[in-house]
Amino acid sequence: MSAQVLAAESVGEPAVNISIFLLFVVVTLAIVIRASRNNATAADYFAGGRSFTGPQNGVAIAGDYLSAASFLGIAGAIALNGYDGFLYSIGFLVAWLVALLLVAELLRNTGRFTMADVLSFRLRQRPVRMAAASSTMVVSFFYLLAQMAGAGGLVALLLGIDDRGGQSLVIAVVGVLMIVYVLVGGMKGTTWVQIVKAALLIAGAGLMTVWVLAKSSFNLSTLLGDAVERSGNPGLLDPGNQYGLTGTTKLDFISLALALVLGTAGLPHILMRFYTVPTAKEARRSVVWAIWLIGLFYLFTLVLGYGAAALVGPEAIRAAPGRANSAAPLLAFELGGTILLGVIAAVAFATILAVVAGLTITASASFAHDIYANVMKRGEPEPGSEVRVARITAVVIGLVSIVGGILANGQNIAFLVALAFAVAASANLPTILYSLFWKRFNTRGALWSIYGGLGSCLLLIAFSPVVSGKPADPVTGKSLSMITDPSIDFSWFPLDNPGLVSIPLGFFLGWLGSVTSKERPDLEKAAEMEVRALTGAGAEKAVVH
């Protein structure tokens, strides 16, 4: 059965699809409105009043982390590329060990609302906060691109919208809903939506996993054999379908692995979650809960990806609206018809809404708290102005992300998220680790590390095959780059992911800037930060306006 027929049949019950979709939106909006009643202070709006327990925050972290990339992008990558697609799942999961062992507790102890609180603790406040806020907004933007692209492909499949104009309208609707979530609910409302969404997503993926295995008599070997047979690719279970065929793709794999494993510990919307719990112990418990839930979900993606290859087929997936991102919804349709497609698509859409809301509140909080309150107002903002500025910023970010999502529509969202990870690992992680563990680290080192890692990463992405120069897709005739015209090619950097170059450069520039600066490190402040980081003493007063 072709993807076009699948899409046509799914629209056969548009009332069912739209009803399920609207039900999810109404329920999550009700949760946001109810949770927003206590948003009285900046701590309530930015950190949920620090009122969440470790398990609650762990589920919310899983909800934040298990984005459209995890559900739609990875399932599609496995369905089309087999073993190489599963590398995304492995990288995303292993990355949590870095966050658990090096970052979670120490950040919770030394910061208040944002990553910049930690970076500027013993350095010059204004330039470091400007740099950290800039990096936060860029990472958030790249992550938002992925979620918006996923929304376009998902709802296009759900409603049978095959033209880019209709998909662009869908992306705009997602952006508007996202803005409403953030304006009304703040971090508290967003967190409860993420908790509900994580439970629904894991339950939905678990149901589909059991269903797929039942089709193969609960024999994984049978499922894998069916996937190889349906795809017509005898190497679907082996490495090398996407990475490893050439020297360039081998380097691209190393670059991707570096970005995935190191990027999580530098993602600002994940780091901000550590401030929503009352103690460092709860921050550790959050990460442990998140690891278990995320690990379980990524095991599901292996079955879902190969299940899509076996039951739907790569040709139908490539031809569907959203291409690889449509694998999981198409599998749901194959298993349970219109009803299951509607439910799974609605869960995936709730996933996108929750993640984009979390990203937006992180970026807006960074601008309001770091740039407005601490740079523009020099730490003395007017009462209530910080939250007001954050809300205005959320609207601007929402509008910008709508435009970016329209441009990125059709890209594999797991891959787009990997770019966000590369930016986070290049610009944020070196500065965080140096700030926490190296007493000689100074302001110049922080600025060189953030701006150098960020700038090199963006430059290499702009001139990589991601933006232009990839060959035309044999099915659609369009380039697989963001610029779909195959005749436009200004790429000179050969790798899809810049992490192999930009991540070591970020660490090197942080070291070089520090050792060449005449600024003497404040050893007393460094000692105070070390005590706070390791013990949590005085953590609530780490940053005072």
Protein backbone atom coordinates (compact mmCIF):
# COMPACT_ATOMS: atom_id res chain seq x y z
CA MET A 1 0.00 0.00 0.00
CA SER A 2 1.48 3.36 -1.00
CA ALA A 3 1.93 6.29 1.33
CA GLN A 4 -0.51 8.31 -0.74
CA VAL A 5 -3.22 5.69 -0.18
CA LEU A 6 -2.40 5.60 3.53
CA ALA A 7 -2.74 9.35 3.73
CA ALA A 8 -6.02 9.29 1.83
CA GLU A 9 -7.50 6.60 4.06
CA SER A 10 -6.41 8.40 7.21
CA VAL A 11 -8.40 11.45 6.06
CA GLY A 12 -11.40 9.17 5.59
CA GLU A 13 -12.29 9.90 9.25
CA PRO A 14 -11.13 13.52 9.62
CA ALA A 15 -13.68 14.16 12.39
CA VAL A 16 -12.09 11.39 14.50
CA ASN A 17 -8.55 12.66 13.94
CA ILE A 18 -9.41 16.28 14.68
CA SER A 19 -11.53 15.36 17.72
CA ILE A 20 -8.70 13.37 19.33
CA PHE A 21 -6.26 16.14 18.48
CA LEU A 22 -8.47 18.87 19.98
CA LEU A 23 -9.10 16.78 23.10
CA PHE A 24 -5.38 16.64 23.83
CA VAL A 25 -5.02 20.38 23.29
CA VAL A 26 -7.98 21.19 25.57
CA VAL A 27 -6.77 18.89 28.36
CA THR A 28 -3.22 20.22 28.31
CA LEU A 29 -4.44 23.83 28.20
CA ALA A 30 -6.66 23.12 31.22
CA ILE A 31 -3.61 21.77 33.07
CA VAL A 32 -1.62 24.88 32.17
CA ILE A 33 -4.36 27.26 33.33
CA ARG A 34 -4.84 25.40 36.61
CA ALA A 35 -1.10 25.33 37.33
CA SER A 36 -0.68 29.02 36.51
CA ARG A 37 -2.78 30.27 39.43
CA ASN A 38 0.24 30.48 41.74
CA ASN A 39 2.63 32.26 39.34
CA ALA A 40 3.25 35.22 41.63
CA THR A 41 7.04 35.62 41.53
CA ALA A 42 9.96 35.15 39.16
CA ALA A 43 10.83 31.93 41.02
CA ASP A 44 7.30 30.65 40.33
CA TYR A 45 7.40 31.59 36.65
CA PHE A 46 10.98 30.47 35.88
CA ALA A 47 11.50 27.56 38.30
CA GLY A 48 8.00 26.40 39.23
CA GLY A 49 8.48 27.66 42.78
CA ARG A 50 11.09 24.88 43.27
CA SER A 51 8.15 22.77 44.40
CA PHE A 52 8.64 19.55 42.38
CA THR A 53 9.96 16.31 43.85
CA GLY A 54 12.79 14.32 42.27
CA PRO A 55 10.49 11.71 40.68
CA GLN A 56 8.11 14.39 39.37
CA ASN A 57 10.98 16.37 37.90
CA GLY A 58 12.54 13.19 36.51
CA VAL A 59 9.35 12.40 34.59
CA ALA A 60 9.23 16.04 33.41
CA ILE A 61 12.88 15.82 32.28
CA ALA A 62 11.99 12.68 30.33
CA GLY A 63 9.08 14.62 28.85
CA ASP A 64 11.41 17.46 27.91
CA TYR A 65 14.05 15.12 26.48
CA LEU A 66 11.79 12.65 24.66
CA SER A 67 10.95 15.12 21.96
CA ALA A 68 9.62 14.66 18.48
CA ALA A 69 13.17 13.70 17.53
CA SER A 70 13.05 10.70 19.86
CA PHE A 71 9.66 9.42 18.77
CA LEU A 72 9.33 10.44 15.12
CA GLY A 73 12.91 11.06 13.99
CA ILE A 74 14.62 8.01 15.50
CA ALA A 75 11.85 5.61 14.45
CA GLY A 76 12.18 6.94 10.90
CA ALA A 77 15.98 6.78 10.98
CA ILE A 78 15.89 3.11 12.09
CA ALA A 79 13.23 2.24 9.51
CA LEU A 80 15.32 3.70 6.68
CA ASN A 81 18.90 3.13 7.89
CA GLY A 82 18.59 0.26 10.35
CA TYR A 83 21.52 -0.09 12.73
CA ASP A 84 22.88 3.38 11.97
CA GLY A 85 19.56 4.95 12.92
CA PHE A 86 19.65 3.27 16.34
CA LEU A 87 22.94 5.07 17.04
CA TYR A 88 20.85 8.17 17.81
CA SER A 89 19.10 6.29 20.63
CA ILE A 90 22.39 5.06 22.07
CA GLY A 91 23.98 8.51 21.94
CA PHE A 92 21.00 10.29 23.48
CA LEU A 93 20.90 7.79 26.38
CA VAL A 94 24.63 7.56 27.15
CA ALA A 95 24.74 11.37 27.29
CA TRP A 96 22.82 11.27 30.57
CA LEU A 97 25.80 9.74 32.36
CA VAL A 98 27.73 12.95 31.69
CA ALA A 99 24.83 15.03 32.99
CA LEU A 100 24.45 12.85 36.11
CA LEU A 101 28.12 12.59 37.07
CA LEU A 102 29.41 16.05 36.16
CA VAL A 103 26.62 18.58 35.96
CA ALA A 104 23.22 18.01 37.62
CA GLU A 105 23.97 18.41 41.33
CA LEU A 106 26.72 21.01 40.92
CA LEU A 107 24.57 23.27 38.73
CA ARG A 108 21.62 23.01 41.11
CA ASN A 109 23.86 24.11 43.99
CA THR A 110 25.49 27.10 42.29
CA GLY A 111 22.69 28.61 40.19
CA ARG A 112 19.27 30.13 40.60
CA PHE A 113 17.33 30.22 37.32
CA THR A 114 19.68 29.86 34.32
CA MET A 115 22.99 28.46 33.15
CA ALA A 116 24.46 31.98 33.17
CA ASP A 117 24.02 32.14 36.96
CA VAL A 118 26.70 29.47 37.22
CA LEU A 119 29.01 30.79 34.52
CA SER A 120 29.03 34.34 35.89
CA PHE A 121 29.36 33.39 39.57
CA ARG A 122 33.08 34.15 39.80
CA LEU A 123 33.56 36.00 36.50
CA ARG A 124 32.56 39.45 35.23
CA GLN A 125 28.77 39.38 35.23
CA ARG A 126 27.67 41.44 32.26
CA PRO A 127 29.80 40.08 29.36
CA VAL A 128 29.49 36.47 30.53
CA ARG A 129 25.72 36.71 30.94
CA MET A 130 25.40 38.24 27.46
CA ALA A 131 27.43 35.39 25.98
CA ALA A 132 25.56 32.67 27.88
CA ALA A 133 22.16 34.13 27.00
CA SER A 134 23.14 34.34 23.32
CA SER A 135 24.21 30.69 23.33
CA THR A 136 21.03 29.64 25.14
CA MET A 137 18.82 31.31 22.56
CA VAL A 138 20.72 29.81 19.61
CA VAL A 139 20.55 26.27 21.03
CA SER A 140 16.86 26.72 21.80
CA PHE A 141 16.24 27.99 18.26
CA PHE A 142 17.86 24.93 16.64
CA TYR A 143 15.88 22.63 18.91
CA LEU A 144 12.69 24.52 18.08
CA LEU A 145 13.40 24.05 14.36
CA ALA A 146 13.31 20.29 14.86
CA GLN A 147 10.04 20.32 16.81
CA MET A 148 8.34 22.64 14.31
CA ALA A 149 9.45 20.49 11.38
CA GLY A 150 8.06 17.45 13.18
CA ALA A 151 4.73 19.19 13.76
CA GLY A 152 4.46 20.07 10.07
CA GLY A 153 5.02 16.52 8.89
CA LEU A 154 2.90 14.93 11.62
CA VAL A 155 -0.28 16.95 11.21
CA ALA A 156 0.17 16.95 7.45
CA LEU A 157 -0.02 13.16 7.57
CA LEU A 158 -2.90 13.21 10.06
CA LEU A 159 -5.00 15.52 7.88
CA GLY A 160 -3.62 14.45 4.48
CA ILE A 161 -2.03 17.83 3.76
CA ASP A 162 0.60 17.24 1.08
CA ASP A 163 1.54 20.78 0.02
CA ARG A 164 4.09 22.97 1.82
CA GLY A 165 1.58 25.83 2.18
CA GLY A 166 -0.76 23.69 4.28
CA GLN A 167 2.11 22.35 6.34
CA SER A 168 3.36 25.89 6.92
CA LEU A 169 -0.07 26.80 8.30
CA VAL A 170 0.15 23.82 10.67
CA ILE A 171 3.55 24.99 11.91
CA ALA A 172 2.13 28.47 12.53
CA VAL A 173 -0.72 26.98 14.62
CA VAL A 174 1.82 25.03 16.70
CA GLY A 175 3.79 28.22 17.28
CA VAL A 176 0.72 30.14 18.45
CA LEU A 177 -0.31 27.34 20.84
CA MET A 178 3.23 27.23 22.20
CA ILE A 179 3.15 30.96 22.93
CA VAL A 180 -0.16 30.56 24.80
CA TYR A 181 1.24 27.72 26.93
CA VAL A 182 4.25 29.77 28.00
CA LEU A 183 2.43 33.05 28.55
CA VAL A 184 -0.23 31.44 30.73
CA GLY A 185 1.51 28.59 32.54
CA GLY A 186 5.15 29.50 33.02
CA MET A 187 7.48 26.73 34.21
CA LYS A 188 4.90 25.21 36.57
CA GLY A 189 2.27 24.72 33.88
CA THR A 190 4.86 23.56 31.37
CA THR A 191 6.24 21.00 33.84
CA TRP A 192 2.84 19.42 34.49
CA VAL A 193 2.17 19.22 30.75
CA GLN A 194 5.53 17.48 30.32
CA ILE A 195 4.73 14.99 33.10
CA VAL A 196 1.40 14.08 31.49
CA LYS A 197 2.93 13.99 28.04
CA ALA A 198 5.83 11.73 29.13
CA ALA A 199 3.41 9.23 30.65
CA LEU A 200 1.25 9.22 27.51
CA LEU A 201 4.23 8.97 25.15
CA ILE A 202 5.88 6.07 26.98
CA ALA A 203 2.53 4.28 27.33
CA GLY A 204 1.70 4.82 23.64
CA ALA A 205 5.13 3.66 22.47
CA GLY A 206 4.91 0.66 24.80
CA LEU A 207 1.51 -0.31 23.40
CA MET A 208 2.78 -0.10 19.83
CA THR A 209 5.91 -2.08 20.74
CA VAL A 210 3.87 -4.96 22.20
CA TRP A 211 1.54 -4.84 19.19
CA VAL A 212 4.43 -4.99 16.70
CA LEU A 213 6.06 -7.88 18.57
CA ALA A 214 2.71 -9.71 18.66
CA LYS A 215 2.61 -9.51 14.85
CA SER A 216 5.91 -11.45 14.87
CA SER A 217 4.81 -13.93 17.58
CA PHE A 218 7.00 -12.01 20.07
CA ASN A 219 10.07 -13.18 18.19
CA LEU A 220 12.49 -10.29 17.61
CA SER A 221 14.48 -12.29 15.06
CA THR A 222 11.35 -12.78 12.97
CA LEU A 223 10.63 -9.04 13.10
CA LEU A 224 14.17 -8.18 12.00
CA GLY A 225 14.00 -10.71 9.17
CA ASP A 226 10.69 -9.26 7.98
CA ALA A 227 12.19 -5.76 8.04
CA VAL A 228 15.13 -6.86 5.89
CA GLU A 229 12.84 -8.63 3.44
CA ARG A 230 10.36 -5.73 3.11
CA SER A 231 13.10 -3.12 2.71
CA GLY A 232 15.01 -5.12 0.13
CA ASN A 233 18.22 -4.13 1.91
CA PRO A 234 20.13 -7.18 3.20
CA GLY A 235 22.44 -4.87 5.15
CA LEU A 236 19.67 -3.21 7.18
CA LEU A 237 20.88 -4.92 10.36
CA ASP A 238 24.53 -4.05 9.76
CA PRO A 239 26.50 -0.84 10.31
CA GLY A 240 27.22 1.29 7.28
CA ASN A 241 23.85 2.19 5.74
CA GLN A 242 24.33 5.84 6.68
CA TYR A 243 27.76 6.04 8.32
CA GLY A 244 30.96 4.16 7.55
CA LEU A 245 30.71 3.67 3.79
CA THR A 246 33.32 6.36 3.10
CA GLY A 247 36.01 8.19 5.03
CA THR A 248 33.78 11.26 5.24
CA THR A 249 30.82 9.38 6.69
CA LYS A 250 33.10 7.70 9.25
CA LEU A 251 34.22 11.13 10.41
CA ASP A 252 30.60 12.28 10.36
CA PHE A 253 29.70 9.43 12.69
CA ILE A 254 32.44 10.40 15.17
CA SER A 255 31.25 13.99 14.95
CA LEU A 256 27.65 12.97 15.58
CA ALA A 257 28.64 10.75 18.51
CA LEU A 258 30.59 13.58 20.16
CA ALA A 259 27.65 15.95 19.76
CA LEU A 260 25.09 13.49 21.15
CA VAL A 261 27.13 12.29 24.13
CA LEU A 262 28.42 15.72 25.20
CA GLY A 263 25.49 17.88 24.14
CA THR A 264 22.92 16.90 26.79
CA ALA A 265 25.00 18.35 29.64
CA GLY A 266 24.98 21.69 27.82
CA LEU A 267 21.31 21.90 26.80
CA PRO A 268 19.90 24.96 28.58
CA HIS A 269 16.29 23.70 28.74
CA ILE A 270 17.49 20.50 30.45
CA LEU A 271 19.85 22.38 32.80
CA MET A 272 17.02 24.72 33.80
CA ARG A 273 15.01 21.73 35.03
CA PHE A 274 17.49 21.19 37.86
CA TYR A 275 16.34 24.47 39.43
CA THR A 276 12.73 23.31 39.83
CA VAL A 277 13.56 20.97 42.73
CA PRO A 278 14.20 22.12 46.33
CA THR A 279 17.51 20.31 46.99
CA ALA A 280 20.56 18.84 45.26
CA LYS A 281 19.51 15.37 46.40
CA GLU A 282 16.24 15.78 44.50
CA ALA A 283 18.22 16.94 41.45
CA ARG A 284 20.17 13.66 41.52
CA ARG A 285 16.96 11.67 41.94
CA SER A 286 15.53 13.56 38.95
CA VAL A 287 18.34 12.37 36.70
CA VAL A 288 18.11 8.76 37.90
CA TRP A 289 14.36 8.67 37.18
CA ALA A 290 14.95 10.31 33.80
CA ILE A 291 17.62 7.77 32.82
CA TRP A 292 15.35 4.79 33.54
CA LEU A 293 12.37 6.24 31.67
CA ILE A 294 14.44 7.44 28.72
CA GLY A 295 16.31 4.13 28.48
CA LEU A 296 13.04 2.19 28.42
CA PHE A 297 11.65 4.42 25.70
CA TYR A 298 14.74 4.06 23.50
CA LEU A 299 14.39 0.28 23.66
CA PHE A 300 10.88 0.78 22.29
CA THR A 301 12.26 2.82 19.36
CA LEU A 302 14.29 -0.17 18.16
CA VAL A 303 11.13 -2.26 17.78
CA LEU A 304 9.11 0.64 16.34
CA GLY A 305 11.76 1.47 13.74
CA TYR A 306 12.20 -2.07 12.47
CA GLY A 307 8.44 -2.60 12.81
CA ALA A 308 7.85 0.35 10.47
CA ALA A 309 10.37 -1.11 8.01
CA ALA A 310 8.64 -4.50 8.13
CA LEU A 311 4.97 -3.46 8.13
CA VAL A 312 4.98 -0.13 6.24
CA GLY A 313 8.10 -0.31 4.09
CA PRO A 314 10.80 2.29 3.35
CA GLU A 315 9.25 3.35 0.02
CA ALA A 316 5.94 4.34 1.61
CA ILE A 317 7.78 6.19 4.40
CA ARG A 318 9.95 8.18 1.98
CA ALA A 319 6.92 9.17 -0.11
CA ALA A 320 4.73 10.26 2.80
CA PRO A 321 4.35 13.87 3.99
CA GLY A 322 7.15 14.42 6.48
CA ARG A 323 9.20 11.59 4.95
CA ALA A 324 11.20 9.75 7.66
CA ASN A 325 9.29 11.57 10.40
CA SER A 326 6.08 9.80 9.31
CA ALA A 327 7.32 6.26 10.07
CA ALA A 328 5.77 5.97 13.56
CA PRO A 329 2.35 7.41 12.60
CA LEU A 330 2.22 5.21 9.49
CA LEU A 331 3.04 2.21 11.66
CA ALA A 332 0.23 3.17 14.02
CA PHE A 333 -2.18 3.32 11.06
CA GLU A 334 -1.01 -0.08 9.85
CA LEU A 335 -1.55 -1.59 13.32
CA GLY A 336 -4.80 -0.01 14.47
CA GLY A 337 -6.26 2.06 11.65
CA THR A 338 -7.56 5.61 11.97
CA ILE A 339 -8.22 5.49 15.73
CA LEU A 340 -4.68 4.42 16.71
CA LEU A 341 -3.20 6.84 14.17
CA GLY A 342 -5.23 9.66 15.70
CA VAL A 343 -4.21 8.74 19.25
CA ILE A 344 -0.49 8.30 18.47
CA ALA A 345 -0.39 11.45 16.33
CA ALA A 346 -2.12 13.41 19.11
CA VAL A 347 0.38 12.07 21.67
CA ALA A 348 3.24 13.04 19.37
CA PHE A 349 1.69 16.46 18.89
CA ALA A 350 1.37 16.88 22.66
CA THR A 351 5.05 15.91 22.80
CA ILE A 352 5.94 18.69 20.41
CA LEU A 353 3.82 21.25 22.26
CA ALA A 354 5.37 20.40 25.62
CA VAL A 355 8.94 20.47 24.33
CA VAL A 356 8.57 23.73 22.43
CA ALA A 357 6.96 25.31 25.50
CA GLY A 358 9.92 24.21 27.62
CA LEU A 359 12.39 25.53 25.09
CA THR A 360 10.57 28.84 24.78
CA ILE A 361 10.39 29.46 28.50
CA THR A 362 14.11 28.65 28.79
CA ALA A 363 15.08 31.10 26.06
CA SER A 364 12.75 33.82 27.33
CA ALA A 365 13.94 33.34 30.93
CA SER A 366 17.54 33.63 29.79
CA PHE A 367 16.87 36.91 28.02
CA ALA A 368 14.76 38.36 30.84
CA HIS A 369 16.92 37.17 33.74
CA ASP A 370 20.40 37.45 32.22
CA ILE A 371 20.24 40.25 29.66
CA TYR A 372 17.38 42.44 30.92
CA ALA A 373 17.63 42.07 34.71
CA ASN A 374 21.39 41.63 35.14
CA VAL A 375 22.91 43.44 32.14
CA MET A 376 20.47 46.18 31.20
CA LYS A 377 19.15 46.84 34.74
CA ARG A 378 22.44 45.90 36.48
CA GLY A 379 20.76 43.44 38.83
CA GLU A 380 18.03 45.82 39.99
CA PRO A 381 14.94 45.28 37.79
CA GLU A 382 11.62 46.82 38.72
CA PRO A 383 9.24 44.46 40.59
CA GLY A 384 7.40 42.24 38.13
CA SER A 385 9.31 43.53 35.11
CA GLU A 386 11.43 40.39 34.72
CA VAL A 387 8.41 38.15 34.15
CA ARG A 388 6.78 40.74 31.87
CA VAL A 389 9.91 40.91 29.69
CA ALA A 390 10.08 37.09 29.61
CA ARG A 391 6.53 36.95 28.28
CA ILE A 392 7.25 39.50 25.55
CA THR A 393 10.39 37.57 24.61
CA ALA A 394 8.37 34.34 24.40
CA VAL A 395 6.13 35.91 21.77
CA VAL A 396 9.12 37.04 19.69
CA ILE A 397 10.82 33.64 19.96
CA GLY A 398 7.58 31.93 18.97
CA LEU A 399 7.26 34.04 15.82
CA VAL A 400 10.90 33.50 14.82
CA SER A 401 10.63 29.75 15.38
CA ILE A 402 7.54 29.59 13.15
CA VAL A 403 9.56 31.04 10.26
CA GLY A 404 12.50 28.72 10.96
CA GLY A 405 10.24 25.69 11.23
CA ILE A 406 8.71 26.43 7.83
CA LEU A 407 12.19 26.53 6.29
CA ALA A 408 13.28 23.29 8.01
CA ASN A 409 10.10 21.38 7.13
CA GLY A 410 10.90 17.93 5.69
CA GLN A 411 14.27 17.45 7.40
CA ASN A 412 14.77 14.43 9.68
CA ILE A 413 14.14 15.90 13.10
CA ALA A 414 16.52 13.56 14.94
CA PHE A 415 19.24 14.99 12.74
CA LEU A 416 18.15 18.60 13.36
CA VAL A 417 18.24 17.99 17.11
CA ALA A 418 21.77 16.62 16.72
CA LEU A 419 22.76 20.05 15.41
CA ALA A 420 21.36 21.65 18.58
CA PHE A 421 23.40 19.17 20.59
CA ALA A 422 26.52 20.16 18.66
CA VAL A 423 25.97 23.85 19.44
CA ALA A 424 25.36 23.05 23.13
CA ALA A 425 28.45 20.85 23.38
CA SER A 426 30.63 23.42 21.57
CA ALA A 427 29.54 26.63 23.31
CA ASN A 428 28.08 25.65 26.70
CA LEU A 429 29.71 22.48 27.98
CA PRO A 430 33.36 23.66 27.91
CA THR A 431 32.47 26.81 29.83
CA ILE A 432 30.34 24.92 32.38
CA LEU A 433 33.07 22.36 33.10
CA TYR A 434 35.83 24.95 33.28
CA SER A 435 33.72 27.11 35.62
CA LEU A 436 33.01 24.20 37.94
CA PHE A 437 36.40 22.49 37.97
CA TRP A 438 39.21 24.90 36.95
CA LYS A 439 40.14 27.68 39.37
CA ARG A 440 42.27 29.59 36.80
CA PHE A 441 39.34 29.95 34.41
CA ASN A 442 38.53 33.62 33.80
CA THR A 443 36.25 35.95 31.86
CA ARG A 444 38.27 35.97 28.64
CA GLY A 445 38.33 32.17 28.63
CA ALA A 446 34.55 32.07 29.07
CA LEU A 447 33.91 34.55 26.27
CA TRP A 448 36.33 32.90 23.85
CA SER A 449 34.90 29.48 24.63
CA ILE A 450 31.24 30.48 24.23
CA TYR A 451 31.58 32.77 21.22
CA GLY A 452 34.29 30.65 19.58
CA GLY A 453 32.40 27.38 19.98
CA LEU A 454 29.10 28.98 18.99
CA GLY A 455 30.49 30.91 16.01
CA SER A 456 32.50 28.02 14.58
CA CYS A 457 29.54 25.66 14.95
CA LEU A 458 27.13 28.01 13.16
CA LEU A 459 29.67 28.77 10.42
CA LEU A 460 30.32 25.10 9.71
CA ILE A 461 26.59 24.29 9.69
CA ALA A 462 25.89 27.15 7.25
CA PHE A 463 28.47 25.82 4.78
CA SER A 464 27.72 22.13 5.27
CA PRO A 465 25.56 19.79 3.17
CA VAL A 466 22.79 20.30 5.75
CA VAL A 467 22.00 23.68 4.20
CA SER A 468 22.88 23.10 0.54
CA GLY A 469 24.50 20.67 -1.85
CA LYS A 470 22.98 17.27 -1.08
CA PRO A 471 21.93 15.20 -4.11
CA ALA A 472 18.29 15.05 -5.16
CA ASP A 473 15.97 12.51 -3.55
CA PRO A 474 15.12 9.82 -6.15
CA VAL A 475 11.44 9.91 -5.11
CA THR A 476 10.74 13.65 -4.88
CA GLY A 477 13.53 15.05 -7.08
CA LYS A 478 14.32 17.64 -4.39
CA SER A 479 17.59 18.07 -2.57
CA LEU A 480 17.71 16.60 0.96
CA SER A 481 19.32 19.84 2.18
CA MET A 482 17.34 22.70 3.72
CA ILE A 483 17.63 24.47 0.36
CA THR A 484 15.74 21.96 -1.76
CA ASP A 485 16.98 23.21 -5.15
CA PRO A 486 19.78 20.74 -6.10
CA SER A 487 21.43 23.38 -8.33
CA ILE A 488 22.24 25.60 -5.33
CA ASP A 489 25.42 24.44 -3.63
CA PHE A 490 27.69 26.61 -1.50
CA SER A 491 28.84 23.90 0.92
CA TRP A 492 32.57 23.47 1.49
CA PHE A 493 32.56 21.75 4.91
CA PRO A 494 32.04 18.04 4.16
CA LEU A 495 30.49 16.85 7.46
CA ASP A 496 26.80 17.06 8.31
CA ASN A 497 27.53 17.57 12.00
CA PRO A 498 30.27 20.07 12.99
CA GLY A 499 30.93 18.64 16.48
CA LEU A 500 34.25 16.99 15.57
CA VAL A 501 35.75 20.43 14.90
CA SER A 502 33.72 22.86 17.01
CA ILE A 503 33.65 20.93 20.32
CA PRO A 504 37.45 20.55 20.71
CA LEU A 505 37.78 24.17 19.50
CA GLY A 506 35.44 25.36 22.27
CA PHE A 507 37.54 23.61 24.92
CA PHE A 508 40.79 24.87 23.39
CA LEU A 509 39.64 28.48 23.19
CA GLY A 510 38.47 28.37 26.81
CA TRP A 511 41.95 27.26 27.87
CA LEU A 512 43.76 29.66 25.53
CA GLY A 513 41.70 32.67 26.57
CA SER A 514 42.33 31.95 30.24
CA VAL A 515 46.09 31.45 30.05
CA THR A 516 46.64 34.51 27.84
CA SER A 517 44.52 36.86 29.96
CA LYS A 518 46.08 39.23 32.49
CA GLU A 519 42.97 38.93 34.68
CA ARG A 520 43.88 37.35 38.00
CA PRO A 521 41.46 34.64 39.07
CA ASP A 522 39.44 35.39 42.20
CA LEU A 523 40.57 32.39 44.26
CA GLU A 524 38.33 33.31 47.18
CA LYS A 525 35.26 33.38 44.92
CA ALA A 526 36.41 30.15 43.25
CA ALA A 527 36.70 28.48 46.67
CA GLU A 528 33.21 29.73 47.60
CA MET A 529 31.80 28.35 44.36
CA GLU A 530 33.48 24.99 44.99
CA VAL A 531 31.94 24.78 48.48
CA ARG A 532 28.49 25.67 47.13
CA ALA A 533 28.79 23.18 44.26
CA LEU A 534 29.86 20.28 46.46
CA THR A 535 27.75 20.92 49.56
CA GLY A 536 24.83 23.10 48.48
CA ALA A 537 25.57 25.54 51.29
CA GLY A 538 23.99 28.89 50.48
CA ALA A 539 22.64 27.67 47.15
CA GLU A 540 19.46 29.74 47.46
CA LYS A 541 21.57 32.89 47.73
CA ALA A 542 23.92 32.07 44.87
CA VAL A 543 22.50 34.93 42.83
CA VAL A 544 20.83 37.86 44.54
CA HIS A 545 19.24 40.83 42.82
